Every structure is written in C-alpha cells, then in structure tokens.
C-alpha atoms as a PDB file:
ATOM      1  CA  MET A   1      -0.161  -0.009   0.026  1.00  0.00           C
ATOM      2  CA  THR A   2       1.002   3.105  -0.940  1.00  0.00           C
ATOM      3  CA  ARG A   3       0.803   6.429   1.739  1.00  0.00           C
ATOM      4  CA  VAL A   4      -0.317   9.648  -0.436  1.00  0.00           C
ATOM      5  CA  LEU A   5       0.819  12.813   1.731  1.00  0.00           C
ATOM      6  CA  TYR A   6      -1.183  15.754   0.532  1.00  0.00           C
ATOM      7  CA  GLY A   7      -0.872  19.664   1.518  1.00  0.00           C
ATOM      8  CA  ASP A   8       0.364  23.062   0.392  1.00  0.00           C
ATOM      9  CA  SER A   9       3.785  23.701  -0.927  1.00  0.00           C
ATOM     10  CA  ARG A  10       5.011  24.600   2.311  1.00  0.00           C
ATOM     11  CA  ALA A  11       4.044  21.356   4.184  1.00  0.00           C
ATOM     12  CA  LEU A  12       5.288  19.516   1.229  1.00  0.00           C
ATOM     13  CA  ALA A  13       8.823  20.930   1.101  1.00  0.00           C
ATOM     14  CA  ARG A  14       8.848  19.781   4.944  1.00  0.00           C
ATOM     15  CA  ALA A  15       7.697  16.459   4.009  1.00  0.00           C
ATOM     16  CA  GLU A  16      10.644  16.370   1.031  1.00  0.00           C
ATOM     17  CA  ASP A  17      13.440  17.531   3.936  1.00  0.00           C
ATOM     18  CA  GLN A  18      12.254  14.559   6.089  1.00  0.00           C
ATOM     19  CA  GLY A  19      13.247  12.489   3.347  1.00  0.00           C
ATOM     20  CA  PHE A  20       9.757  11.783   1.529  1.00  0.00           C
ATOM     21  CA  VAL A  21      11.602  12.810  -2.000  1.00  0.00           C
ATOM     22  CA  HIS A  22       8.658  11.293  -4.633  1.00  0.00           C
ATOM     23  CA  CYS A  23       6.446  14.129  -5.058  1.00  0.00           C
ATOM     24  CA  VAL A  24       4.658  13.802  -7.872  1.00  0.00           C
ATOM     25  CA  ARG A  25       4.718  16.379 -10.711  1.00  0.00           C
ATOM     26  CA  ASP A  26       2.368  15.108 -13.591  1.00  0.00           C
ATOM     27  CA  ASP A  27       0.578  11.795 -14.618  1.00  0.00           C
ATOM     28  CA  ALA A  28       3.892  10.258 -15.618  1.00  0.00           C
ATOM     29  CA  SER A  29       5.680  10.041 -12.703  1.00  0.00           C
ATOM     30  CA  LEU A  30       2.158   8.781 -10.556  1.00  0.00           C
ATOM     31  CA  GLU A  31       2.544   6.096 -12.780  1.00  0.00           C
ATOM     32  CA  THR A  32       6.272   5.608 -12.236  1.00  0.00           C
ATOM     33  CA  PHE A  33       6.020   5.437  -8.553  1.00  0.00           C
ATOM     34  CA  LEU A  34       3.177   3.698  -8.465  1.00  0.00           C
ATOM     35  CA  LYS A  35       4.641   0.604 -10.332  1.00  0.00           C
ATOM     36  CA  GLU A  36       7.637   0.941  -8.518  1.00  0.00           C
ATOM     37  CA  GLY A  37       6.059   0.497  -5.292  1.00  0.00           C
ATOM     38  CA  ARG A  38       7.015   3.524  -3.583  1.00  0.00           C
ATOM     39  CA  ASP A  39       6.148   3.572  -0.255  1.00  0.00           C
ATOM     40  CA  THR A  40       5.018   7.352   0.572  1.00  0.00           C
ATOM     41  CA  ILE A  41       4.144   9.647  -2.040  1.00  0.00           C
ATOM     42  CA  LEU A  42       3.510  13.681  -2.266  1.00  0.00           C
ATOM     43  CA  VAL A  43       1.004  15.490  -4.058  1.00  0.00           C
ATOM     44  CA  HIS A  44      -0.005  18.950  -3.907  1.00  0.00           C
ATOM     45  CA  ALA A  45      -3.762  19.144  -2.983  1.00  0.00           C
ATOM     46  CA  GLU A  46      -5.714  20.405  -0.223  1.00  0.00           C
ATOM     47  CA  SER A  47      -7.686  17.293   1.038  1.00  0.00           C
ATOM     48  CA  PRO A  48      -8.217  13.467  -0.148  1.00  0.00           C
ATOM     49  CA  GLU A  49     -10.815  14.341  -2.804  1.00  0.00           C
ATOM     50  CA  GLY A  50      -8.308  17.372  -4.464  1.00  0.00           C
ATOM     51  CA  VAL A  51      -6.154  14.617  -4.868  1.00  0.00           C
ATOM     52  CA  ILE A  52      -8.606  12.415  -6.759  1.00  0.00           C
ATOM     53  CA  ARG A  53      -9.697  15.117  -8.812  1.00  0.00           C
ATOM     54  CA  ARG A  54      -5.897  16.030 -10.167  1.00  0.00           C
ATOM     55  CA  TYR A  55      -4.914  12.319 -10.018  1.00  0.00           C
ATOM     56  CA  PRO A  56      -7.840  10.014 -10.743  1.00  0.00           C
ATOM     57  CA  ARG A  57      -5.923   7.005 -10.962  1.00  0.00           C
ATOM     58  CA  LEU A  58      -5.800   7.216  -7.268  1.00  0.00           C
ATOM     59  CA  ALA A  59      -9.241   6.288  -6.709  1.00  0.00           C
ATOM     60  CA  SER A  60      -8.935   3.068  -7.925  1.00  0.00           C
ATOM     61  CA  ALA A  61      -5.332   2.630  -6.479  1.00  0.00           C
ATOM     62  CA  ASN A  62      -4.158   0.628  -3.228  1.00  0.00           C
ATOM     63  CA  VAL A  63      -3.538   4.219  -0.870  1.00  0.00           C
ATOM     64  CA  THR A  64      -4.018   5.768   1.963  1.00  0.00           C
ATOM     65  CA  PHE A  65      -4.039   9.476   2.346  1.00  0.00           C
ATOM     66  CA  GLU A  66      -2.884  11.651   4.855  1.00  0.00           C
ATOM     67  CA  ALA A  67      -2.005  15.391   5.014  1.00  0.00           C
ATOM     68  CA  ALA A  68       1.534  16.382   5.282  1.00  0.00           C
ATOM     69  CA  ALA A  69       2.287  17.951   8.900  1.00  0.00           C
END
C-alpha cells in the first residue's frame, strides 16, 4: 500500500526535507511511483478529494491518504 501525503507547498517541502522525496509532478511520475511500489508519495492538494480530482487513477489504487504535517 502506498501512502499519499497531500498538502500545500510548505507542507510538502517539509515532508521532502524529512526524506519523503517522491513528489508527484504529473501523470507520468505518478504511474512510475505506483509501478515501483513507492512507500510514500507527495501530492500538492488541499484534501484527499483534491488528490483524486487531480489524479483520478488514485481512486482505484491501493493507497491511504494523510495530510502532510
């Protein structure tokens, strides 16, 4: 299962600083990360619903959503 961290730019920057370096920039990077089985990916969005709107593929993926601290 992949953990999807979502948040604003500052929250994602903090998460990257903590070692979560797999930031989704586009559909291609999302597919790559999912195929590679990354543990944690970062998405710039305000909510889980925002993540799904931006990347509908995640609606059917084996993922959990958490707000980036």
